[in-house]
Amino acid sequence: MRLLRRAVLLLATLSAAPVGAHHSWSRYDGDHVVTIEGDITAIEWANPHVIVRFTVRGDGAEPESWTMEMDPPTLLNRYGLRHDTLQAGMHVKLTGVRARSGAPMMRAVTIEVADGTVYRVSSRV
């Protein structure tokens, strides 16, 4: 009985680790919030996180492709952001934290659309 209890506890512990792993903010620099403007190129409205790809136009430089990670669709719906709110081609202003690695990637906190509406896109606001 004791062995069975230990085996169940071990399995429960090991199976819980991957569930929390995808929610890590450790790859982002949470101490430095940035705001970036760009044009949406693609949206992946799916679990575990909604992903938005967008292009940032620099000062005379080549456009740079970025990836933005947001909360899951169910939370975005609670915040008022629906799957049809964002469309490819839209110009948006994104506020969030950049990847620590320097890669063109961010974890967004808010997104502002052309009419000035600001949507919360993270539970960490």
N, C-alpha and C. Protein backbone atom coordinates (compact mmCIF):
# COMPACT_ATOMS: atom_id res chain seq x y z
N MET A 1 0.82 -1.19 0.00
CA MET A 1 0.00 0.00 0.00
C MET A 1 0.87 1.26 0.00
N ARG A 2 1.94 1.23 0.80
CA ARG A 2 2.83 2.38 0.89
C ARG A 2 3.52 2.63 -0.46
N LEU A 3 3.91 1.55 -1.15
CA LEU A 3 4.56 1.66 -2.45
C LEU A 3 3.59 2.25 -3.48
N LEU A 4 2.34 1.80 -3.44
CA LEU A 4 1.34 2.32 -4.36
C LEU A 4 1.12 3.81 -4.13
N ARG A 5 1.03 4.22 -2.88
CA ARG A 5 0.84 5.63 -2.54
C ARG A 5 2.00 6.47 -3.08
N ARG A 6 3.22 5.98 -2.92
CA ARG A 6 4.40 6.71 -3.41
C ARG A 6 4.40 6.80 -4.94
N ALA A 7 4.01 5.71 -5.58
CA ALA A 7 3.96 5.70 -7.04
C ALA A 7 2.93 6.70 -7.56
N VAL A 8 1.77 6.74 -6.94
CA VAL A 8 0.73 7.70 -7.34
C VAL A 8 1.21 9.13 -7.11
N LEU A 9 1.83 9.39 -5.98
CA LEU A 9 2.36 10.72 -5.69
C LEU A 9 3.42 11.13 -6.70
N LEU A 10 4.31 10.22 -7.04
CA LEU A 10 5.35 10.50 -8.02
C LEU A 10 4.76 10.81 -9.38
N LEU A 11 3.81 10.01 -9.84
CA LEU A 11 3.17 10.25 -11.13
C LEU A 11 2.42 11.58 -11.14
N ALA A 12 1.73 11.90 -10.08
CA ALA A 12 1.01 13.17 -10.00
C ALA A 12 1.97 14.35 -10.07
N THR A 13 3.09 14.24 -9.39
CA THR A 13 4.09 15.31 -9.40
C THR A 13 4.70 15.48 -10.77
N LEU A 14 5.08 14.40 -11.41
CA LEU A 14 5.71 14.47 -12.73
C LEU A 14 4.75 14.95 -13.80
N SER A 15 3.50 14.57 -13.73
CA SER A 15 2.55 14.99 -14.76
C SER A 15 2.14 16.44 -14.60
N ALA A 16 2.30 17.02 -13.42
CA ALA A 16 1.93 18.42 -13.21
C ALA A 16 2.99 19.37 -13.74
N ALA A 17 4.22 18.95 -13.84
CA ALA A 17 5.31 19.84 -14.28
C ALA A 17 5.09 20.41 -15.67
N PRO A 18 4.74 19.62 -16.70
CA PRO A 18 4.55 20.20 -18.02
C PRO A 18 3.38 21.17 -18.10
N VAL A 19 2.39 21.01 -17.27
CA VAL A 19 1.24 21.90 -17.29
C VAL A 19 1.64 23.32 -16.95
N GLY A 20 2.47 23.51 -15.97
CA GLY A 20 2.89 24.85 -15.58
C GLY A 20 4.01 25.41 -16.42
N ALA A 21 4.70 24.58 -17.15
CA ALA A 21 5.88 25.02 -17.89
C ALA A 21 5.57 26.05 -18.95
N HIS A 22 4.45 25.93 -19.65
CA HIS A 22 4.19 26.86 -20.74
C HIS A 22 3.72 28.23 -20.24
N HIS A 23 3.50 28.40 -18.95
CA HIS A 23 3.07 29.68 -18.42
C HIS A 23 4.23 30.52 -17.88
N SER A 24 5.44 30.08 -18.11
CA SER A 24 6.60 30.76 -17.56
C SER A 24 6.85 32.11 -18.23
N TRP A 25 7.14 33.10 -17.40
CA TRP A 25 7.51 34.43 -17.88
C TRP A 25 9.02 34.59 -17.83
N SER A 26 9.75 33.56 -17.46
CA SER A 26 11.18 33.69 -17.25
C SER A 26 11.95 34.06 -18.51
N ARG A 27 11.41 33.75 -19.68
CA ARG A 27 12.13 34.11 -20.90
C ARG A 27 11.94 35.57 -21.29
N TYR A 28 11.11 36.29 -20.53
CA TYR A 28 10.85 37.70 -20.81
C TYR A 28 11.47 38.59 -19.74
N ASP A 29 11.86 39.78 -20.13
CA ASP A 29 12.48 40.74 -19.21
C ASP A 29 11.37 41.59 -18.58
N GLY A 30 10.82 41.11 -17.48
CA GLY A 30 9.70 41.77 -16.83
C GLY A 30 10.01 43.11 -16.20
N ASP A 31 11.28 43.47 -16.11
CA ASP A 31 11.67 44.75 -15.51
C ASP A 31 11.62 45.90 -16.50
N HIS A 32 11.49 45.62 -17.78
CA HIS A 32 11.53 46.67 -18.80
C HIS A 32 10.33 46.55 -19.73
N VAL A 33 9.33 47.38 -19.49
CA VAL A 33 8.13 47.39 -20.32
C VAL A 33 8.38 48.28 -21.54
N VAL A 34 8.01 47.79 -22.72
CA VAL A 34 8.21 48.54 -23.95
C VAL A 34 6.88 48.66 -24.70
N THR A 35 6.80 49.66 -25.57
CA THR A 35 5.65 49.82 -26.45
C THR A 35 6.15 49.81 -27.88
N ILE A 36 5.55 48.98 -28.70
CA ILE A 36 5.96 48.81 -30.09
C ILE A 36 4.73 48.93 -30.98
N GLU A 37 4.87 49.60 -32.12
CA GLU A 37 3.78 49.69 -33.09
C GLU A 37 4.11 48.84 -34.29
N GLY A 38 3.09 48.22 -34.86
CA GLY A 38 3.31 47.41 -36.04
C GLY A 38 2.01 46.99 -36.70
N ASP A 39 2.14 46.25 -37.78
CA ASP A 39 0.99 45.76 -38.54
C ASP A 39 0.88 44.25 -38.37
N ILE A 40 -0.31 43.79 -38.02
CA ILE A 40 -0.54 42.36 -37.81
C ILE A 40 -0.41 41.62 -39.14
N THR A 41 0.33 40.51 -39.12
CA THR A 41 0.46 39.68 -40.31
C THR A 41 -0.26 38.35 -40.16
N ALA A 42 -0.38 37.84 -38.94
CA ALA A 42 -1.06 36.55 -38.71
C ALA A 42 -1.48 36.44 -37.25
N ILE A 43 -2.56 35.68 -37.02
CA ILE A 43 -3.08 35.46 -35.67
C ILE A 43 -3.35 33.97 -35.50
N GLU A 44 -2.87 33.41 -34.40
CA GLU A 44 -3.15 32.01 -34.05
C GLU A 44 -3.99 32.03 -32.77
N TRP A 45 -5.31 31.99 -32.94
CA TRP A 45 -6.24 32.06 -31.81
C TRP A 45 -6.47 30.65 -31.29
N ALA A 46 -5.59 30.18 -30.42
CA ALA A 46 -5.66 28.80 -29.93
C ALA A 46 -5.01 28.71 -28.56
N ASN A 47 -5.31 27.63 -27.86
CA ASN A 47 -4.67 27.35 -26.57
C ASN A 47 -3.28 26.81 -26.81
N PRO A 48 -2.33 26.96 -25.93
CA PRO A 48 -2.49 27.53 -24.60
C PRO A 48 -2.39 29.06 -24.58
N HIS A 49 -1.86 29.67 -25.66
CA HIS A 49 -1.76 31.13 -25.72
C HIS A 49 -2.06 31.59 -27.13
N VAL A 50 -2.71 32.75 -27.24
CA VAL A 50 -2.92 33.36 -28.55
C VAL A 50 -1.60 33.98 -28.98
N ILE A 51 -1.23 33.73 -30.23
CA ILE A 51 0.01 34.25 -30.79
C ILE A 51 -0.35 35.21 -31.92
N VAL A 52 0.24 36.40 -31.89
CA VAL A 52 0.05 37.38 -32.97
C VAL A 52 1.41 37.67 -33.57
N ARG A 53 1.48 37.57 -34.87
CA ARG A 53 2.71 37.93 -35.58
C ARG A 53 2.48 39.29 -36.22
N PHE A 54 3.49 40.14 -36.13
CA PHE A 54 3.35 41.47 -36.68
C PHE A 54 4.68 41.98 -37.21
N THR A 55 4.60 43.01 -38.05
CA THR A 55 5.78 43.59 -38.66
C THR A 55 5.98 44.99 -38.11
N VAL A 56 7.20 45.26 -37.69
CA VAL A 56 7.57 46.58 -37.18
C VAL A 56 8.43 47.26 -38.22
N ARG A 57 8.07 48.48 -38.57
CA ARG A 57 8.85 49.24 -39.54
C ARG A 57 9.78 50.18 -38.79
N GLY A 58 11.07 50.00 -39.01
CA GLY A 58 12.06 50.84 -38.34
C GLY A 58 12.29 52.14 -39.10
N ASP A 59 13.16 52.97 -38.58
CA ASP A 59 13.51 54.22 -39.24
C ASP A 59 14.39 53.94 -40.44
N GLY A 60 13.79 53.76 -41.60
CA GLY A 60 14.53 53.51 -42.82
C GLY A 60 15.09 52.10 -42.93
N ALA A 61 14.97 51.32 -41.90
CA ALA A 61 15.49 49.95 -41.92
C ALA A 61 14.46 49.00 -42.52
N GLU A 62 14.91 47.80 -42.78
CA GLU A 62 14.01 46.77 -43.27
C GLU A 62 12.97 46.45 -42.20
N PRO A 63 11.73 46.15 -42.60
CA PRO A 63 10.72 45.74 -41.62
C PRO A 63 11.17 44.49 -40.89
N GLU A 64 10.83 44.42 -39.61
CA GLU A 64 11.24 43.29 -38.78
C GLU A 64 10.00 42.52 -38.33
N SER A 65 10.03 41.20 -38.46
CA SER A 65 8.92 40.35 -38.04
C SER A 65 9.04 40.04 -36.55
N TRP A 66 7.94 40.24 -35.82
CA TRP A 66 7.88 40.01 -34.38
C TRP A 66 6.80 38.98 -34.07
N THR A 67 6.93 38.37 -32.91
CA THR A 67 5.92 37.45 -32.39
C THR A 67 5.51 37.93 -31.01
N MET A 68 4.21 37.98 -30.78
CA MET A 68 3.67 38.42 -29.50
C MET A 68 2.83 37.30 -28.90
N GLU A 69 3.06 37.02 -27.64
CA GLU A 69 2.31 36.00 -26.92
C GLU A 69 1.32 36.68 -25.97
N MET A 70 0.07 36.19 -25.97
CA MET A 70 -0.96 36.72 -25.09
C MET A 70 -1.53 35.58 -24.25
N ASP A 71 -2.49 35.92 -23.38
CA ASP A 71 -3.18 34.92 -22.56
C ASP A 71 -4.01 33.98 -23.45
N PRO A 72 -4.57 32.91 -22.88
CA PRO A 72 -5.41 31.98 -23.64
C PRO A 72 -6.70 32.65 -24.11
N PRO A 73 -7.33 32.09 -25.15
CA PRO A 73 -8.56 32.66 -25.69
C PRO A 73 -9.66 32.89 -24.66
N THR A 74 -9.83 31.97 -23.71
CA THR A 74 -10.91 32.14 -22.73
C THR A 74 -10.71 33.39 -21.88
N LEU A 75 -9.47 33.68 -21.50
CA LEU A 75 -9.21 34.89 -20.72
C LEU A 75 -9.36 36.14 -21.58
N LEU A 76 -8.90 36.09 -22.83
CA LEU A 76 -9.04 37.25 -23.71
C LEU A 76 -10.51 37.59 -23.91
N ASN A 77 -11.36 36.57 -24.03
CA ASN A 77 -12.80 36.81 -24.15
C ASN A 77 -13.33 37.52 -22.91
N ARG A 78 -12.86 37.13 -21.73
CA ARG A 78 -13.29 37.80 -20.49
C ARG A 78 -12.85 39.25 -20.46
N TYR A 79 -11.70 39.53 -21.07
CA TYR A 79 -11.19 40.91 -21.11
C TYR A 79 -11.88 41.74 -22.19
N GLY A 80 -12.74 41.11 -23.01
CA GLY A 80 -13.45 41.83 -24.06
C GLY A 80 -12.83 41.73 -25.44
N LEU A 81 -11.75 40.99 -25.57
CA LEU A 81 -11.09 40.82 -26.87
C LEU A 81 -11.60 39.53 -27.50
N ARG A 82 -12.28 39.65 -28.62
CA ARG A 82 -12.86 38.50 -29.30
C ARG A 82 -11.97 38.04 -30.45
N HIS A 83 -12.21 36.84 -30.92
CA HIS A 83 -11.37 36.27 -31.99
C HIS A 83 -11.43 37.08 -33.28
N ASP A 84 -12.50 37.83 -33.50
CA ASP A 84 -12.61 38.61 -34.73
C ASP A 84 -12.26 40.09 -34.54
N THR A 85 -11.78 40.47 -33.36
CA THR A 85 -11.41 41.86 -33.11
C THR A 85 -10.13 42.23 -33.86
N LEU A 86 -9.16 41.34 -33.83
CA LEU A 86 -7.89 41.59 -34.50
C LEU A 86 -7.90 40.92 -35.87
N GLN A 87 -7.40 41.65 -36.86
CA GLN A 87 -7.35 41.13 -38.23
C GLN A 87 -5.98 41.39 -38.83
N ALA A 88 -5.57 40.53 -39.72
CA ALA A 88 -4.32 40.76 -40.45
C ALA A 88 -4.42 42.09 -41.19
N GLY A 89 -3.35 42.85 -41.16
CA GLY A 89 -3.32 44.16 -41.80
C GLY A 89 -3.59 45.32 -40.86
N MET A 90 -4.15 45.04 -39.68
CA MET A 90 -4.44 46.11 -38.70
C MET A 90 -3.15 46.67 -38.13
N HIS A 91 -3.15 47.99 -37.93
CA HIS A 91 -2.04 48.65 -37.25
C HIS A 91 -2.38 48.66 -35.76
N VAL A 92 -1.44 48.21 -34.93
CA VAL A 92 -1.68 48.12 -33.49
C VAL A 92 -0.49 48.66 -32.71
N LYS A 93 -0.76 49.04 -31.47
CA LYS A 93 0.29 49.46 -30.54
C LYS A 93 0.29 48.44 -29.40
N LEU A 94 1.44 47.80 -29.19
CA LEU A 94 1.57 46.72 -28.22
C LEU A 94 2.46 47.15 -27.07
N THR A 95 2.00 46.90 -25.86
CA THR A 95 2.81 47.18 -24.68
C THR A 95 3.04 45.85 -23.97
N GLY A 96 4.29 45.61 -23.63
CA GLY A 96 4.63 44.35 -22.97
C GLY A 96 6.09 44.28 -22.64
N VAL A 97 6.57 43.07 -22.47
CA VAL A 97 7.98 42.85 -22.12
C VAL A 97 8.66 42.01 -23.19
N ARG A 98 9.88 42.41 -23.55
CA ARG A 98 10.64 41.74 -24.60
C ARG A 98 11.29 40.47 -24.09
N ALA A 99 11.67 39.64 -25.04
CA ALA A 99 12.41 38.42 -24.72
C ALA A 99 13.78 38.79 -24.18
N ARG A 100 14.21 38.10 -23.14
CA ARG A 100 15.54 38.34 -22.56
C ARG A 100 16.65 38.09 -23.58
N SER A 101 16.41 37.18 -24.50
CA SER A 101 17.42 36.81 -25.49
C SER A 101 17.67 37.90 -26.52
N GLY A 102 16.77 38.89 -26.59
CA GLY A 102 16.90 39.92 -27.61
C GLY A 102 16.17 39.57 -28.89
N ALA A 103 15.59 38.38 -28.96
CA ALA A 103 14.83 37.96 -30.13
C ALA A 103 13.63 38.89 -30.31
N PRO A 104 13.15 39.06 -31.53
CA PRO A 104 11.99 39.91 -31.78
C PRO A 104 10.70 39.24 -31.31
N MET A 105 10.56 39.15 -30.02
CA MET A 105 9.45 38.43 -29.39
C MET A 105 9.06 39.16 -28.11
N MET A 106 7.77 39.18 -27.80
CA MET A 106 7.34 39.83 -26.57
C MET A 106 6.14 39.13 -25.97
N ARG A 107 5.97 39.34 -24.68
CA ARG A 107 4.78 38.90 -23.95
C ARG A 107 3.98 40.17 -23.74
N ALA A 108 2.85 40.29 -24.41
CA ALA A 108 2.07 41.52 -24.37
C ALA A 108 1.26 41.64 -23.09
N VAL A 109 1.04 42.88 -22.69
CA VAL A 109 0.22 43.20 -21.53
C VAL A 109 -1.06 43.90 -22.00
N THR A 110 -0.91 44.82 -22.97
CA THR A 110 -2.06 45.49 -23.59
C THR A 110 -1.83 45.61 -25.09
N ILE A 111 -2.93 45.74 -25.81
CA ILE A 111 -2.87 45.99 -27.24
C ILE A 111 -3.89 47.09 -27.55
N GLU A 112 -3.44 48.10 -28.29
CA GLU A 112 -4.31 49.22 -28.66
C GLU A 112 -4.56 49.15 -30.16
N VAL A 113 -5.85 49.22 -30.54
CA VAL A 113 -6.22 49.18 -31.95
C VAL A 113 -6.40 50.60 -32.48
N ALA A 114 -6.62 50.72 -33.79
CA ALA A 114 -6.64 52.02 -34.47
C ALA A 114 -7.66 53.01 -33.89
N ASP A 115 -8.80 52.54 -33.39
CA ASP A 115 -9.81 53.47 -32.86
C ASP A 115 -9.49 53.94 -31.44
N GLY A 116 -8.34 53.52 -30.91
CA GLY A 116 -7.93 53.95 -29.57
C GLY A 116 -8.33 53.02 -28.44
N THR A 117 -9.08 51.97 -28.75
CA THR A 117 -9.48 51.01 -27.73
C THR A 117 -8.26 50.21 -27.27
N VAL A 118 -8.09 50.14 -25.96
CA VAL A 118 -6.97 49.38 -25.38
C VAL A 118 -7.54 48.13 -24.73
N TYR A 119 -7.03 46.98 -25.13
CA TYR A 119 -7.46 45.70 -24.58
C TYR A 119 -6.38 45.13 -23.67
N ARG A 120 -6.82 44.63 -22.56
CA ARG A 120 -5.92 43.88 -21.67
C ARG A 120 -5.73 42.51 -22.31
N VAL A 121 -4.49 42.03 -22.37
CA VAL A 121 -4.24 40.72 -22.98
C VAL A 121 -3.38 39.83 -22.09
N SER A 122 -3.27 40.22 -20.82
CA SER A 122 -2.48 39.44 -19.88
C SER A 122 -3.09 39.51 -18.50
N SER A 123 -3.03 38.40 -17.79
CA SER A 123 -3.52 38.38 -16.41
C SER A 123 -2.57 39.10 -15.47
N ARG A 124 -1.41 39.49 -15.97
CA ARG A 124 -0.40 40.16 -15.13
C ARG A 124 -0.47 41.67 -15.22
N VAL A 125 -1.62 42.21 -15.47
CA VAL A 125 -1.78 43.68 -15.54
C VAL A 125 -2.04 44.21 -14.16
